[in-house]
C-alpha atoms as a PDB file:
ATOM      1  CA  MET A   1     -61.163 -48.240  54.200  1.00  0.00           C
ATOM      2  CA  ILE A   2     -57.994 -50.367  53.215  1.00  0.00           C
ATOM      3  CA  LYS A   3     -58.337 -49.389  50.057  1.00  0.00           C
ATOM      4  CA  LYS A   4     -58.331 -45.386  51.017  1.00  0.00           C
ATOM      5  CA  ILE A   5     -54.307 -46.070  53.081  1.00  0.00           C
ATOM      6  CA  ILE A   6     -53.176 -48.859  51.193  1.00  0.00           C
ATOM      7  CA  ILE A   7     -53.580 -46.015  48.177  1.00  0.00           C
ATOM      8  CA  GLY A   8     -53.074 -43.274  50.428  1.00  0.00           C
ATOM      9  CA  ALA A   9     -49.370 -44.364  51.603  1.00  0.00           C
ATOM     10  CA  ALA A  10     -48.832 -45.412  47.214  1.00  0.00           C
ATOM     11  CA  LEU A  11     -49.054 -41.785  46.671  1.00  0.00           C
ATOM     12  CA  LEU A  12     -46.555 -41.243  49.699  1.00  0.00           C
ATOM     13  CA  ILE A  13     -44.106 -44.049  48.583  1.00  0.00           C
ATOM     14  CA  ILE A  14     -44.376 -42.912  44.784  1.00  0.00           C
ATOM     15  CA  ALA A  15     -44.091 -39.031  46.447  1.00  0.00           C
ATOM     16  CA  GLY A  16     -40.904 -39.990  48.250  1.00  0.00           C
ATOM     17  CA  LEU A  17     -39.573 -41.253  44.443  1.00  0.00           C
ATOM     18  CA  ALA A  18     -40.226 -38.581  42.802  1.00  0.00           C
ATOM     19  CA  LEU A  19     -38.105 -35.835  45.188  1.00  0.00           C
ATOM     20  CA  PHE A  20     -35.343 -37.919  46.534  1.00  0.00           C
ATOM     21  CA  GLY A  21     -34.970 -40.735  44.701  1.00  0.00           C
ATOM     22  CA  PRO A  22     -32.528 -41.097  40.950  1.00  0.00           C
ATOM     23  CA  TYR A  23     -34.231 -38.212  39.154  1.00  0.00           C
ATOM     24  CA  SER A  24     -35.650 -36.005  40.816  1.00  0.00           C
ATOM     25  CA  LEU A  25     -37.667 -33.837  39.878  1.00  0.00           C
ATOM     26  CA  ILE A  26     -36.701 -30.476  42.662  1.00  0.00           C
ATOM     27  CA  ARG A  27     -33.744 -31.331  40.596  1.00  0.00           C
ATOM     28  CA  GLU A  28     -34.981 -31.286  37.034  1.00  0.00           C
ATOM     29  CA  PHE A  29     -37.463 -27.853  38.073  1.00  0.00           C
ATOM     30  CA  ASN A  30     -34.527 -25.509  40.304  1.00  0.00           C
ATOM     31  CA  GLU A  31     -31.742 -26.195  37.636  1.00  0.00           C
ATOM     32  CA  GLU A  32     -30.139 -23.280  38.423  1.00  0.00           C
ATOM     33  CA  ALA A  33     -29.379 -25.598  42.200  1.00  0.00           C
ATOM     34  CA  ALA A  34     -28.287 -28.277  40.136  1.00  0.00           C
ATOM     35  CA  LEU A  35     -25.247 -26.275  38.144  1.00  0.00           C
ATOM     36  CA  LYS A  36     -24.231 -24.813  41.318  1.00  0.00           C
ATOM     37  CA  ASP A  37     -24.203 -28.088  43.265  1.00  0.00           C
ATOM     38  CA  PHE A  38     -22.276 -29.181  40.572  1.00  0.00           C
ATOM     39  CA  ILE A  39     -19.924 -26.387  40.481  1.00  0.00           C
ATOM     40  CA  SER A  40     -18.901 -26.909  43.717  1.00  0.00           C
ATOM     41  CA  SER A  41     -17.752 -30.371  43.846  1.00  0.00           C
ATOM     42  CA  ASP A  42     -15.909 -30.510  40.159  1.00  0.00           C
ATOM     43  CA  ASN A  43     -11.943 -30.462  40.380  1.00  0.00           C
ATOM     44  CA  THR A  44     -12.629 -28.071  36.885  1.00  0.00           C
ATOM     45  CA  PHE A  45     -14.015 -25.300  39.367  1.00  0.00           C
ATOM     46  CA  LYS A  46     -11.835 -25.627  42.285  1.00  0.00           C
ATOM     47  CA  GLY A  47      -9.653 -22.219  43.714  1.00  0.00           C
ATOM     48  CA  LEU A  48     -12.266 -20.604  41.004  1.00  0.00           C
ATOM     49  CA  GLU A  49     -14.280 -17.687  41.529  1.00  0.00           C
ATOM     50  CA  VAL A  50     -17.367 -17.688  39.918  1.00  0.00           C
ATOM     51  CA  THR A  51     -18.478 -14.241  38.625  1.00  0.00           C
ATOM     52  CA  ASN A  52     -21.408 -14.997  36.074  1.00  0.00           C
ATOM     53  CA  ILE A  53     -23.311 -17.276  35.539  1.00  0.00           C
ATOM     54  CA  ASP A  54     -25.666 -16.748  31.625  1.00  0.00           C
ATOM     55  CA  TYR A  55     -28.092 -19.797  30.490  1.00  0.00           C
ATOM     56  CA  ARG A  56     -27.914 -20.016  26.656  1.00  0.00           C
ATOM     57  CA  GLY A  57     -30.774 -21.986  26.210  1.00  0.00           C
ATOM     58  CA  SER A  58     -31.449 -25.650  25.454  1.00  0.00           C
ATOM     59  CA  GLU A  59     -29.834 -26.687  29.647  1.00  0.00           C
ATOM     60  CA  THR A  60     -26.002 -24.396  28.529  1.00  0.00           C
ATOM     61  CA  TYR A  61     -24.334 -22.821  30.746  1.00  0.00           C
ATOM     62  CA  PHE A  62     -21.957 -19.936  29.843  1.00  0.00           C
ATOM     63  CA  ILE A  63     -19.993 -19.067  33.125  1.00  0.00           C
ATOM     64  CA  GLN A  64     -17.003 -16.858  33.844  1.00  0.00           C
ATOM     65  CA  THR A  65     -14.214 -17.640  36.954  1.00  0.00           C
ATOM     66  CA  GLN A  66     -11.993 -15.565  38.261  1.00  0.00           C
ATOM     67  CA  LYS A  67      -8.538 -15.969  39.511  1.00  0.00           C
ATOM     68  CA  GLU A  68      -5.964 -13.255  40.401  1.00  0.00           C
ATOM     69  CA  GLY A  69      -7.504 -11.462  38.494  1.00  0.00           C
ATOM     70  CA  LYS A  70      -7.368 -13.661  35.680  1.00  0.00           C
ATOM     71  CA  MET A  71     -10.696 -14.734  33.842  1.00  0.00           C
ATOM     72  CA  THR A  72     -11.056 -17.615  32.236  1.00  0.00           C
ATOM     73  CA  ASN A  73     -14.939 -18.178  30.431  1.00  0.00           C
ATOM     74  CA  PHE A  74     -16.317 -22.268  30.069  1.00  0.00           C
ATOM     75  CA  ILE A  75     -19.518 -23.798  28.556  1.00  0.00           C
ATOM     76  CA  LEU A  76     -21.461 -25.920  30.690  1.00  0.00           C
ATOM     77  CA  MET A  77     -23.797 -28.299  29.187  1.00  0.00           C
ATOM     78  CA  ARG A  78     -26.092 -30.837  29.640  1.00  0.00           C
ATOM     79  CA  HIS A  79     -25.917 -34.282  28.557  1.00  0.00           C
ATOM     80  CA  HIS A  80     -28.847 -37.021  29.258  1.00  0.00           C
ATOM     81  CA  THR A  81     -28.076 -40.018  28.179  1.00  0.00           C
ATOM     82  CA  SER A  82     -31.471 -41.453  29.488  1.00  0.00           C
ATOM     83  CA  VAL A  83     -33.712 -40.025  31.003  1.00  0.00           C
ATOM     84  CA  MET A  84     -32.755 -40.869  34.330  1.00  0.00           C
ATOM     85  CA  ASN A  85     -29.281 -40.021  33.532  1.00  0.00           C
ATOM     86  CA  GLY A  86     -27.835 -36.519  32.784  1.00  0.00           C
ATOM     87  CA  HIS A  87     -23.813 -35.944  33.351  1.00  0.00           C
ATOM     88  CA  TRP A  88     -22.828 -32.232  33.370  1.00  0.00           C
ATOM     89  CA  LYS A  89     -19.796 -31.970  30.070  1.00  0.00           C
ATOM     90  CA  VAL A  90     -16.940 -28.482  30.443  1.00  0.00           C
ATOM     91  CA  PHE A  91     -15.730 -27.125  28.106  1.00  0.00           C
ATOM     92  CA  LEU A  92     -13.067 -24.376  28.366  1.00  0.00           C
ATOM     93  CA  ASN A  93     -12.013 -21.346  26.183  1.00  0.00           C
ATOM     94  CA  LYS A  94      -8.319 -22.120  26.357  1.00  0.00           C
ATOM     95  CA  ASN A  95      -7.547 -18.751  23.170  1.00  0.00           C
ATOM     96  CA  GLN A  96      -9.295 -16.078  24.426  1.00  0.00           C
ATOM     97  CA  SER A  97      -9.269 -13.400  21.720  1.00  0.00           C
ATOM     98  CA  LYS A  98     -11.293 -16.601  19.404  1.00  0.00           C
ATOM     99  CA  ASN A  99     -14.245 -18.263  20.907  1.00  0.00           C
ATOM    100  CA  ILE A 100     -13.133 -21.459  20.593  1.00  0.00           C
ATOM    101  CA  PHE A 101     -13.679 -23.706  23.465  1.00  0.00           C
ATOM    102  CA  ASN A 102     -11.864 -27.134  24.176  1.00  0.00           C
ATOM    103  CA  ILE A 103     -13.856 -30.220  26.359  1.00  0.00           C
ATOM    104  CA  VAL A 104     -12.434 -30.131  29.716  1.00  0.00           C
END
């Protein structure tokens, strides 16, 4: 009986860490929610209205924003430095006539 309680407690601790720990499985499986969370907290997108989010593959997103009728394009890439550390890199299209993106 005590063995079952210990196994059950260990499973609850592992499940809690997997869902709410530093390597959150919720964010891993719900990438779009993590992306929207990053967009709302990053200073690059302050004051800009996101009009389109397009997944381009391999954790890369094409984002169109608008401010006062002017469209701005961004590329967001998820960069993993280790298993538990993923960071977003933001690239801005400064020249709308050419598809040249500069890192922000």
